[in-house]
Amino acid sequence: MQKPPLESEVADLAPADPIMTPYDLAHLVNYWRLMDAHAEGADWREVSRIVLRIDPGREPQRAQRAYDSHLARAKWMGEQGYRHLLRGDIQAPD
């Protein structure tokens, strides 16, 4: 398997598909970083700025929405999505 990139441009909303997507695969590192920051109790604004590269001072609604959706997707990956990764069951790009 190819290594996911360390820096990937993030969408305003993470996928909500019931299967792992190419976007998820490209953002695995971001998901892991979000989960680590969440577990450590980091402020969402700092995480948004560092991990998602969205400035909450300039775009507070976009930053909050992106943070919330990507954290939710990261949790899904940890609970269910990893199974798709292990099976190689990833949605083909459109």
PDB file of N, CA and C in Angstrom:
ATOM      1  N   MET A   1       0.844  -1.176   0.000  1.00  0.00           N
ATOM      2  CA  MET A   1       0.000   0.000   0.000  1.00  0.00           C
ATOM      3  C   MET A   1       0.890   1.239   0.000  1.00  0.00           C
ATOM      4  N   GLN A   2       0.459   2.255  -0.756  1.00  0.00           N
ATOM      5  CA  GLN A   2       1.182   3.516  -0.793  1.00  0.00           C
ATOM      6  C   GLN A   2       0.997   4.270   0.509  1.00  0.00           C
ATOM      7  N   LYS A   3       2.028   5.021   0.900  1.00  0.00           N
ATOM      8  CA  LYS A   3       1.920   5.837   2.100  1.00  0.00           C
ATOM      9  C   LYS A   3       1.017   7.034   1.814  1.00  0.00           C
ATOM     10  N   PRO A   4       0.120   7.401   2.756  1.00  0.00           N
ATOM     11  CA  PRO A   4      -0.681   8.604   2.558  1.00  0.00           C
ATOM     12  C   PRO A   4       0.200   9.837   2.648  1.00  0.00           C
ATOM     13  N   PRO A   5      -0.152  10.885   1.912  1.00  0.00           N
ATOM     14  CA  PRO A   5       0.652  12.106   1.978  1.00  0.00           C
ATOM     15  C   PRO A   5       0.562  12.748   3.355  1.00  0.00           C
ATOM     16  N   LEU A   6       1.624  13.449   3.742  1.00  0.00           N
ATOM     17  CA  LEU A   6       1.622  14.112   5.046  1.00  0.00           C
ATOM     18  C   LEU A   6       0.794  15.388   5.031  1.00  0.00           C
ATOM     19  N   GLU A   7       0.718  16.044   3.908  1.00  0.00           N
ATOM     20  CA  GLU A   7      -0.042  17.287   3.799  1.00  0.00           C
ATOM     21  C   GLU A   7      -1.011  17.163   2.638  1.00  0.00           C
ATOM     22  N   SER A   8      -2.291  17.147   2.910  1.00  0.00           N
ATOM     23  CA  SER A   8      -3.306  17.085   1.875  1.00  0.00           C
ATOM     24  C   SER A   8      -4.285  18.222   2.076  1.00  0.00           C
ATOM     25  N   GLU A   9      -4.708  18.814   0.996  1.00  0.00           N
ATOM     26  CA  GLU A   9      -5.716  19.874   1.059  1.00  0.00           C
ATOM     27  C   GLU A   9      -7.013  19.271   1.603  1.00  0.00           C
ATOM     28  N   VAL A  10      -7.620  19.941   2.569  1.00  0.00           N
ATOM     29  CA  VAL A  10      -8.844  19.405   3.158  1.00  0.00           C
ATOM     30  C   VAL A  10     -10.074  20.075   2.561  1.00  0.00           C
ATOM     31  N   ALA A  11     -11.120  19.303   2.454  1.00  0.00           N
ATOM     32  CA  ALA A  11     -12.412  19.808   2.008  1.00  0.00           C
ATOM     33  C   ALA A  11     -13.104  20.491   3.186  1.00  0.00           C
ATOM     34  N   ASP A  12     -14.109  21.285   2.896  1.00  0.00           N
ATOM     35  CA  ASP A  12     -14.869  21.930   3.970  1.00  0.00           C
ATOM     36  C   ASP A  12     -15.600  20.901   4.822  1.00  0.00           C
ATOM     37  N   LEU A  13     -16.002  19.805   4.211  1.00  0.00           N
ATOM     38  CA  LEU A  13     -16.671  18.716   4.927  1.00  0.00           C
ATOM     39  C   LEU A  13     -16.004  17.394   4.570  1.00  0.00           C
ATOM     40  N   ALA A  14     -15.780  16.580   5.576  1.00  0.00           N
ATOM     41  CA  ALA A  14     -15.257  15.234   5.343  1.00  0.00           C
ATOM     42  C   ALA A  14     -16.385  14.362   4.790  1.00  0.00           C
ATOM     43  N   PRO A  15     -16.050  13.274   4.123  1.00  0.00           N
ATOM     44  CA  PRO A  15     -17.085  12.372   3.611  1.00  0.00           C
ATOM     45  C   PRO A  15     -17.941  11.794   4.738  1.00  0.00           C
ATOM     46  N   ALA A  16     -19.137  11.410   4.380  1.00  0.00           N
ATOM     47  CA  ALA A  16     -20.020  10.736   5.336  1.00  0.00           C
ATOM     48  C   ALA A  16     -20.486   9.398   4.756  1.00  0.00           C
ATOM     49  N   ASP A  17     -19.789   8.929   3.729  1.00  0.00           N
ATOM     50  CA  ASP A  17     -20.135   7.667   3.070  1.00  0.00           C
ATOM     51  C   ASP A  17     -19.989   6.500   4.047  1.00  0.00           C
ATOM     52  N   PRO A  18     -20.774   5.436   3.843  1.00  0.00           N
ATOM     53  CA  PRO A  18     -20.659   4.265   4.716  1.00  0.00           C
ATOM     54  C   PRO A  18     -19.490   3.359   4.335  1.00  0.00           C
ATOM     55  N   ILE A  19     -18.693   3.794   3.385  1.00  0.00           N
ATOM     56  CA  ILE A  19     -17.528   3.039   2.937  1.00  0.00           C
ATOM     57  C   ILE A  19     -16.349   4.003   2.862  1.00  0.00           C
ATOM     58  N   MET A  20     -15.156   3.486   2.982  1.00  0.00           N
ATOM     59  CA  MET A  20     -13.965   4.319   2.903  1.00  0.00           C
ATOM     60  C   MET A  20     -13.810   4.873   1.492  1.00  0.00           C
ATOM     61  N   THR A  21     -13.460   6.135   1.397  1.00  0.00           N
ATOM     62  CA  THR A  21     -13.344   6.809   0.107  1.00  0.00           C
ATOM     63  C   THR A  21     -11.876   7.129  -0.206  1.00  0.00           C
ATOM     64  N   PRO A  22     -11.581   7.468  -1.445  1.00  0.00           N
ATOM     65  CA  PRO A  22     -10.222   7.914  -1.766  1.00  0.00           C
ATOM     66  C   PRO A  22      -9.813   9.134  -0.932  1.00  0.00           C
ATOM     67  N   TYR A  23     -10.763  10.004  -0.626  1.00  0.00           N
ATOM     68  CA  TYR A  23     -10.477  11.160   0.233  1.00  0.00           C
ATOM     69  C   TYR A  23     -10.000  10.684   1.600  1.00  0.00           C
ATOM     70  N   ASP A  24     -10.693   9.693   2.164  1.00  0.00           N
ATOM     71  CA  ASP A  24     -10.283   9.142   3.467  1.00  0.00           C
ATOM     72  C   ASP A  24      -8.862   8.606   3.403  1.00  0.00           C
ATOM     73  N   LEU A  25      -8.569   7.871   2.367  1.00  0.00           N
ATOM     74  CA  LEU A  25      -7.241   7.289   2.221  1.00  0.00           C
ATOM     75  C   LEU A  25      -6.176   8.379   2.151  1.00  0.00           C
ATOM     76  N   ALA A  26      -6.471   9.456   1.438  1.00  0.00           N
ATOM     77  CA  ALA A  26      -5.524  10.559   1.304  1.00  0.00           C
ATOM     78  C   ALA A  26      -5.364  11.355   2.600  1.00  0.00           C
ATOM     79  N   HIS A  27      -6.347  11.234   3.514  1.00  0.00           N
ATOM     80  CA  HIS A  27      -6.334  12.038   4.738  1.00  0.00           C
ATOM     81  C   HIS A  27      -6.161  11.225   6.019  1.00  0.00           C
ATOM     82  N   LEU A  28      -5.670  10.012   5.903  1.00  0.00           N
ATOM     83  CA  LEU A  28      -5.476   9.179   7.092  1.00  0.00           C
ATOM     84  C   LEU A  28      -4.590   9.871   8.131  1.00  0.00           C
ATOM     85  N   VAL A  29      -3.529  10.493   7.676  1.00  0.00           N
ATOM     86  CA  VAL A  29      -2.622  11.162   8.616  1.00  0.00           C
ATOM     87  C   VAL A  29      -3.355  12.278   9.347  1.00  0.00           C
ATOM     88  N   ASN A  30      -4.162  13.050   8.614  1.00  0.00           N
ATOM     89  CA  ASN A  30      -4.944  14.107   9.262  1.00  0.00           C
ATOM     90  C   ASN A  30      -5.899  13.523  10.290  1.00  0.00           C
ATOM     91  N   TYR A  31      -6.551  12.420   9.964  1.00  0.00           N
ATOM     92  CA  TYR A  31      -7.480  11.787  10.913  1.00  0.00           C
ATOM     93  C   TYR A  31      -6.743  11.357  12.183  1.00  0.00           C
ATOM     94  N   TRP A  32      -5.576  10.761  12.017  1.00  0.00           N
ATOM     95  CA  TRP A  32      -4.808  10.320  13.189  1.00  0.00           C
ATOM     96  C   TRP A  32      -4.394  11.515  14.034  1.00  0.00           C
ATOM     97  N   ARG A  33      -3.974  12.572  13.372  1.00  0.00           N
ATOM     98  CA  ARG A  33      -3.557  13.772  14.102  1.00  0.00           C
ATOM     99  C   ARG A  33      -4.743  14.388  14.845  1.00  0.00           C
ATOM    100  N   LEU A  34      -5.921  14.392  14.216  1.00  0.00           N
ATOM    101  CA  LEU A  34      -7.123  14.909  14.879  1.00  0.00           C
ATOM    102  C   LEU A  34      -7.462  14.081  16.115  1.00  0.00           C
ATOM    103  N   MET A  35      -7.380  12.766  15.986  1.00  0.00           N
ATOM    104  CA  MET A  35      -7.701  11.898  17.119  1.00  0.00           C
ATOM    105  C   MET A  35      -6.705  12.101  18.259  1.00  0.00           C
ATOM    106  N   ASP A  36      -5.437  12.235  17.941  1.00  0.00           N
ATOM    107  CA  ASP A  36      -4.422  12.481  18.978  1.00  0.00           C
ATOM    108  C   ASP A  36      -4.694  13.806  19.690  1.00  0.00           C
ATOM    109  N   ALA A  37      -4.961  14.843  18.915  1.00  0.00           N
ATOM    110  CA  ALA A  37      -5.220  16.164  19.498  1.00  0.00           C
ATOM    111  C   ALA A  37      -6.477  16.142  20.359  1.00  0.00           C
ATOM    112  N   HIS A  38      -7.510  15.464  19.875  1.00  0.00           N
ATOM    113  CA  HIS A  38      -8.767  15.365  20.636  1.00  0.00           C
ATOM    114  C   HIS A  38      -8.536  14.628  21.958  1.00  0.00           C
ATOM    115  N   ALA A  39      -7.781  13.547  21.898  1.00  0.00           N
ATOM    116  CA  ALA A  39      -7.493  12.764  23.112  1.00  0.00           C
ATOM    117  C   ALA A  39      -6.702  13.577  24.132  1.00  0.00           C
ATOM    118  N   GLU A  40      -5.897  14.509  23.647  1.00  0.00           N
ATOM    119  CA  GLU A  40      -5.093  15.349  24.534  1.00  0.00           C
ATOM    120  C   GLU A  40      -5.839  16.601  24.996  1.00  0.00           C
ATOM    121  N   GLY A  41      -7.071  16.786  24.491  1.00  0.00           N
ATOM    122  CA  GLY A  41      -7.867  17.938  24.903  1.00  0.00           C
ATOM    123  C   GLY A  41      -7.432  19.248  24.259  1.00  0.00           C
ATOM    124  N   ALA A  42      -6.809  19.164  23.097  1.00  0.00           N
ATOM    125  CA  ALA A  42      -6.355  20.376  22.401  1.00  0.00           C
ATOM    126  C   ALA A  42      -7.546  21.225  21.971  1.00  0.00           C
ATOM    127  N   ASP A  43      -7.358  22.523  21.950  1.00  0.00           N
ATOM    128  CA  ASP A  43      -8.386  23.460  21.511  1.00  0.00           C
ATOM    129  C   ASP A  43      -8.652  23.258  20.022  1.00  0.00           C
ATOM    130  N   TRP A  44      -9.919  23.183  19.637  1.00  0.00           N
ATOM    131  CA  TRP A  44     -10.270  22.910  18.249  1.00  0.00           C
ATOM    132  C   TRP A  44      -9.712  23.968  17.302  1.00  0.00           C
ATOM    133  N   ARG A  45      -9.598  25.197  17.767  1.00  0.00           N
ATOM    134  CA  ARG A  45      -9.087  26.270  16.904  1.00  0.00           C
ATOM    135  C   ARG A  45      -7.619  26.034  16.551  1.00  0.00           C
ATOM    136  N   GLU A  46      -6.849  25.613  17.536  1.00  0.00           N
ATOM    137  CA  GLU A  46      -5.441  25.315  17.282  1.00  0.00           C
ATOM    138  C   GLU A  46      -5.302  24.124  16.335  1.00  0.00           C
ATOM    139  N   VAL A  47      -6.123  23.107  16.552  1.00  0.00           N
ATOM    140  CA  VAL A  47      -6.093  21.913  15.701  1.00  0.00           C
ATOM    141  C   VAL A  47      -6.511  22.270  14.279  1.00  0.00           C
ATOM    142  N   SER A  48      -7.530  23.092  14.160  1.00  0.00           N
ATOM    143  CA  SER A  48      -7.975  23.523  12.834  1.00  0.00           C
ATOM    144  C   SER A  48      -6.846  24.229  12.092  1.00  0.00           C
ATOM    145  N   ARG A  49      -6.160  25.101  12.784  1.00  0.00           N
ATOM    146  CA  ARG A  49      -5.080  25.876  12.174  1.00  0.00           C
ATOM    147  C   ARG A  49      -3.901  24.971  11.784  1.00  0.00           C
ATOM    148  N   ILE A  50      -3.517  24.058  12.667  1.00  0.00           N
ATOM    149  CA  ILE A  50      -2.326  23.240  12.442  1.00  0.00           C
ATOM    150  C   ILE A  50      -2.602  22.044  11.531  1.00  0.00           C
ATOM    151  N   VAL A  51      -3.644  21.291  11.834  1.00  0.00           N
ATOM    152  CA  VAL A  51      -3.906  20.047  11.101  1.00  0.00           C
ATOM    153  C   VAL A  51      -4.670  20.297   9.805  1.00  0.00           C
ATOM    154  N   LEU A  52      -5.727  21.091   9.894  1.00  0.00           N
ATOM    155  CA  LEU A  52      -6.568  21.312   8.710  1.00  0.00           C
ATOM    156  C   LEU A  52      -6.109  22.505   7.877  1.00  0.00           C
ATOM    157  N   ARG A  53      -5.228  23.327   8.463  1.00  0.00           N
ATOM    158  CA  ARG A  53      -4.715  24.522   7.800  1.00  0.00           C
ATOM    159  C   ARG A  53      -5.827  25.488   7.392  1.00  0.00           C
ATOM    160  N   ILE A  54      -6.775  25.661   8.305  1.00  0.00           N
ATOM    161  CA  ILE A  54      -7.849  26.644   8.139  1.00  0.00           C
ATOM    162  C   ILE A  54      -7.752  27.591   9.330  1.00  0.00           C
ATOM    163  N   ASP A  55      -7.665  28.870   9.066  1.00  0.00           N
ATOM    164  CA  ASP A  55      -7.523  29.873  10.114  1.00  0.00           C
ATOM    165  C   ASP A  55      -8.887  30.187  10.718  1.00  0.00           C
ATOM    166  N   PRO A  56      -9.130  29.777  11.973  1.00  0.00           N
ATOM    167  CA  PRO A  56     -10.431  30.039  12.594  1.00  0.00           C
ATOM    168  C   PRO A  56     -10.659  31.516  12.888  1.00  0.00           C
ATOM    169  N   GLY A  57      -9.602  32.302  12.918  1.00  0.00           N
ATOM    170  CA  GLY A  57      -9.766  33.744  13.107  1.00  0.00           C
ATOM    171  C   GLY A  57     -10.356  34.413  11.884  1.00  0.00           C
ATOM    172  N   ARG A  58      -9.989  33.931  10.721  1.00  0.00           N
ATOM    173  CA  ARG A  58     -10.497  34.501   9.467  1.00  0.00           C
ATOM    174  C   ARG A  58     -11.753  33.817   8.970  1.00  0.00           C
ATOM    175  N   GLU A  59     -11.870  32.511   9.208  1.00  0.00           N
ATOM    176  CA  GLU A  59     -13.018  31.735   8.725  1.00  0.00           C
ATOM    177  C   GLU A  59     -13.567  30.854   9.847  1.00  0.00           C
ATOM    178  N   PRO A  60     -14.170  31.459  10.867  1.00  0.00           N
ATOM    179  CA  PRO A  60     -14.569  30.672  12.036  1.00  0.00           C
ATOM    180  C   PRO A  60     -15.605  29.591  11.731  1.00  0.00           C
ATOM    181  N   GLN A  61     -16.592  29.895  10.921  1.00  0.00           N
ATOM    182  CA  GLN A  61     -17.629  28.890  10.635  1.00  0.00           C
ATOM    183  C   GLN A  61     -17.071  27.744   9.799  1.00  0.00           C
ATOM    184  N   ARG A  62     -16.286  28.090   8.786  1.00  0.00           N
ATOM    185  CA  ARG A  62     -15.675  27.051   7.947  1.00  0.00           C
ATOM    186  C   ARG A  62     -14.739  26.183   8.783  1.00  0.00           C
ATOM    187  N   ALA A  63     -13.937  26.804   9.627  1.00  0.00           N
ATOM    188  CA  ALA A  63     -12.992  26.061  10.461  1.00  0.00           C
ATOM    189  C   ALA A  63     -13.727  25.117  11.407  1.00  0.00           C
ATOM    190  N   GLN A  64     -14.775  25.593  12.050  1.00  0.00           N
ATOM    191  CA  GLN A  64     -15.536  24.756  12.993  1.00  0.00           C
ATOM    192  C   GLN A  64     -16.208  23.595  12.260  1.00  0.00           C
ATOM    193  N   ARG A  65     -16.823  23.889  11.122  1.00  0.00           N
ATOM    194  CA  ARG A  65     -17.512  22.853  10.334  1.00  0.00           C
ATOM    195  C   ARG A  65     -16.511  21.795   9.853  1.00  0.00           C
ATOM    196  N   ALA A  66     -15.361  22.233   9.353  1.00  0.00           N
ATOM    197  CA  ALA A  66     -14.351  21.289   8.867  1.00  0.00           C
ATOM    198  C   ALA A  66     -13.804  20.446  10.022  1.00  0.00           C
ATOM    199  N   TYR A  67     -13.526  21.108  11.137  1.00  0.00           N
ATOM    200  CA  TYR A  67     -13.011  20.381  12.299  1.00  0.00           C
ATOM    201  C   TYR A  67     -14.019  19.330  12.757  1.00  0.00           C
ATOM    202  N   ASP A  68     -15.271  19.738  12.936  1.00  0.00           N
ATOM    203  CA  ASP A  68     -16.297  18.812  13.426  1.00  0.00           C
ATOM    204  C   ASP A  68     -16.479  17.620  12.486  1.00  0.00           C
ATOM    205  N   SER A  69     -16.568  17.893  11.181  1.00  0.00           N
ATOM    206  CA  SER A  69     -16.822  16.797  10.241  1.00  0.00           C
ATOM    207  C   SER A  69     -15.611  15.879  10.109  1.00  0.00           C
ATOM    208  N   HIS A  70     -14.417  16.436  10.130  1.00  0.00           N
ATOM    209  CA  HIS A  70     -13.222  15.598  10.019  1.00  0.00           C
ATOM    210  C   HIS A  70     -12.974  14.797  11.300  1.00  0.00           C
ATOM    211  N   LEU A  71     -13.270  15.383  12.450  1.00  0.00           N
ATOM    212  CA  LEU A  71     -13.138  14.623  13.693  1.00  0.00           C
ATOM    213  C   LEU A  71     -14.157  13.488  13.731  1.00  0.00           C
ATOM    214  N   ALA A  72     -15.378  13.763  13.299  1.00  0.00           N
ATOM    215  CA  ALA A  72     -16.399  12.708  13.248  1.00  0.00           C
ATOM    216  C   ALA A  72     -15.957  11.589  12.307  1.00  0.00           C
ATOM    217  N   ARG A  73     -15.378  11.960  11.172  1.00  0.00           N
ATOM    218  CA  ARG A  73     -14.915  10.946  10.218  1.00  0.00           C
ATOM    219  C   ARG A  73     -13.729  10.179  10.794  1.00  0.00           C
ATOM    220  N   ALA A  74     -12.855  10.864  11.497  1.00  0.00           N
ATOM    221  CA  ALA A  74     -11.721  10.197  12.133  1.00  0.00           C
ATOM    222  C   ALA A  74     -12.217   9.159  13.140  1.00  0.00           C
ATOM    223  N   LYS A  75     -13.237   9.517  13.909  1.00  0.00           N
ATOM    224  CA  LYS A  75     -13.808   8.566  14.871  1.00  0.00           C
ATOM    225  C   LYS A  75     -14.435   7.380  14.146  1.00  0.00           C
ATOM    226  N   TRP A  76     -15.133   7.653  13.033  1.00  0.00           N
ATOM    227  CA  TRP A  76     -15.726   6.569  12.242  1.00  0.00           C
ATOM    228  C   TRP A  76     -14.633   5.637  11.731  1.00  0.00           C
ATOM    229  N   MET A  77     -13.523   6.240  11.271  1.00  0.00           N
ATOM    230  CA  MET A  77     -12.410   5.420  10.781  1.00  0.00           C
ATOM    231  C   MET A  77     -11.888   4.510  11.882  1.00  0.00           C
ATOM    232  N   GLY A  78     -11.812   5.023  13.100  1.00  0.00           N
ATOM    233  CA  GLY A  78     -11.316   4.234  14.215  1.00  0.00           C
ATOM    234  C   GLY A  78     -12.271   3.150  14.666  1.00  0.00           C
ATOM    235  N   GLU A  79     -13.559   3.374  14.441  1.00  0.00           N
ATOM    236  CA  GLU A  79     -14.575   2.416  14.886  1.00  0.00           C
ATOM    237  C   GLU A  79     -14.986   1.431  13.792  1.00  0.00           C
ATOM    238  N   GLN A  80     -15.085   1.905  12.546  1.00  0.00           N
ATOM    239  CA  GLN A  80     -15.589   1.063  11.465  1.00  0.00           C
ATOM    240  C   GLN A  80     -14.737   1.107  10.203  1.00  0.00           C
ATOM    241  N   GLY A  81     -14.286   2.285   9.847  1.00  0.00           N
ATOM    242  CA  GLY A  81     -13.612   2.474   8.567  1.00  0.00           C
ATOM    243  C   GLY A  81     -12.350   1.656   8.403  1.00  0.00           C
ATOM    244  N   TYR A  82     -11.656   1.401   9.497  1.00  0.00           N
ATOM    245  CA  TYR A  82     -10.419   0.627   9.397  1.00  0.00           C
ATOM    246  C   TYR A  82     -10.665  -0.742   8.793  1.00  0.00           C
ATOM    247  N   ARG A  83     -11.863  -1.292   8.989  1.00  0.00           N
ATOM    248  CA  ARG A  83     -12.184  -2.607   8.413  1.00  0.00           C
ATOM    249  C   ARG A  83     -12.145  -2.551   6.893  1.00  0.00           C
ATOM    250  N   HIS A  84     -12.657  -1.450   6.343  1.00  0.00           N
ATOM    251  CA  HIS A  84     -12.624  -1.269   4.898  1.00  0.00           C
ATOM    252  C   HIS A  84     -11.179  -1.183   4.408  1.00  0.00           C
ATOM    253  N   LEU A  85     -10.349  -0.497   5.174  1.00  0.00           N
ATOM    254  CA  LEU A  85      -8.937  -0.362   4.821  1.00  0.00           C
ATOM    255  C   LEU A  85      -8.256  -1.730   4.824  1.00  0.00           C
ATOM    256  N   LEU A  86      -8.502  -2.532   5.841  1.00  0.00           N
ATOM    257  CA  LEU A  86      -7.887  -3.852   5.938  1.00  0.00           C
ATOM    258  C   LEU A  86      -8.319  -4.777   4.807  1.00  0.00           C
ATOM    259  N   ARG A  87      -9.584  -4.646   4.385  1.00  0.00           N
ATOM    260  CA  ARG A  87     -10.103  -5.478   3.296  1.00  0.00           C
ATOM    261  C   ARG A  87      -9.769  -4.910   1.921  1.00  0.00           C
ATOM    262  N   GLY A  88      -9.296  -3.678   1.868  1.00  0.00           N
ATOM    263  CA  GLY A  88      -9.054  -3.040   0.579  1.00  0.00           C
ATOM    264  C   GLY A  88     -10.339  -2.611  -0.083  1.00  0.00           C
ATOM    265  N   ASP A  89     -11.380  -2.446   0.726  1.00  0.00           N
ATOM    266  CA  ASP A  89     -12.720  -2.108   0.249  1.00  0.00           C
ATOM    267  C   ASP A  89     -12.872  -0.591   0.243  1.00  0.00           C
ATOM    268  N   ILE A  90     -12.349   0.031  -0.805  1.00  0.00           N
ATOM    269  CA  ILE A  90     -12.344   1.499  -0.887  1.00  0.00           C
ATOM    270  C   ILE A  90     -13.116   1.914  -2.119  1.00  0.00           C
ATOM    271  N   GLN A  91     -13.986   2.897  -1.949  1.00  0.00           N
ATOM    272  CA  GLN A  91     -14.795   3.418  -3.039  1.00  0.00           C
ATOM    273  C   GLN A  91     -13.888   3.978  -4.135  1.00  0.00           C
ATOM    274  N   ALA A  92     -14.186   3.621  -5.363  1.00  0.00           N
ATOM    275  CA  ALA A  92     -13.394   4.137  -6.499  1.00  0.00           C
ATOM    276  C   ALA A  92     -13.680   5.628  -6.693  1.00  0.00           C
ATOM    277  N   PRO A  93     -12.674   6.383  -7.159  1.00  0.00           N
ATOM    278  CA  PRO A  93     -12.902   7.808  -7.427  1.00  0.00           C
ATOM    279  C   PRO A  93     -13.969   7.997  -8.494  1.00  0.00           C
ATOM    280  N   ASP A  94     -14.672   9.122  -8.424  1.00  0.00           N
ATOM    281  CA  ASP A  94     -15.725   9.407  -9.405  1.00  0.00           C
ATOM    282  C   ASP A  94     -15.158   9.667 -10.777  1.00  0.00           C
TER     283      ASP A  94
END
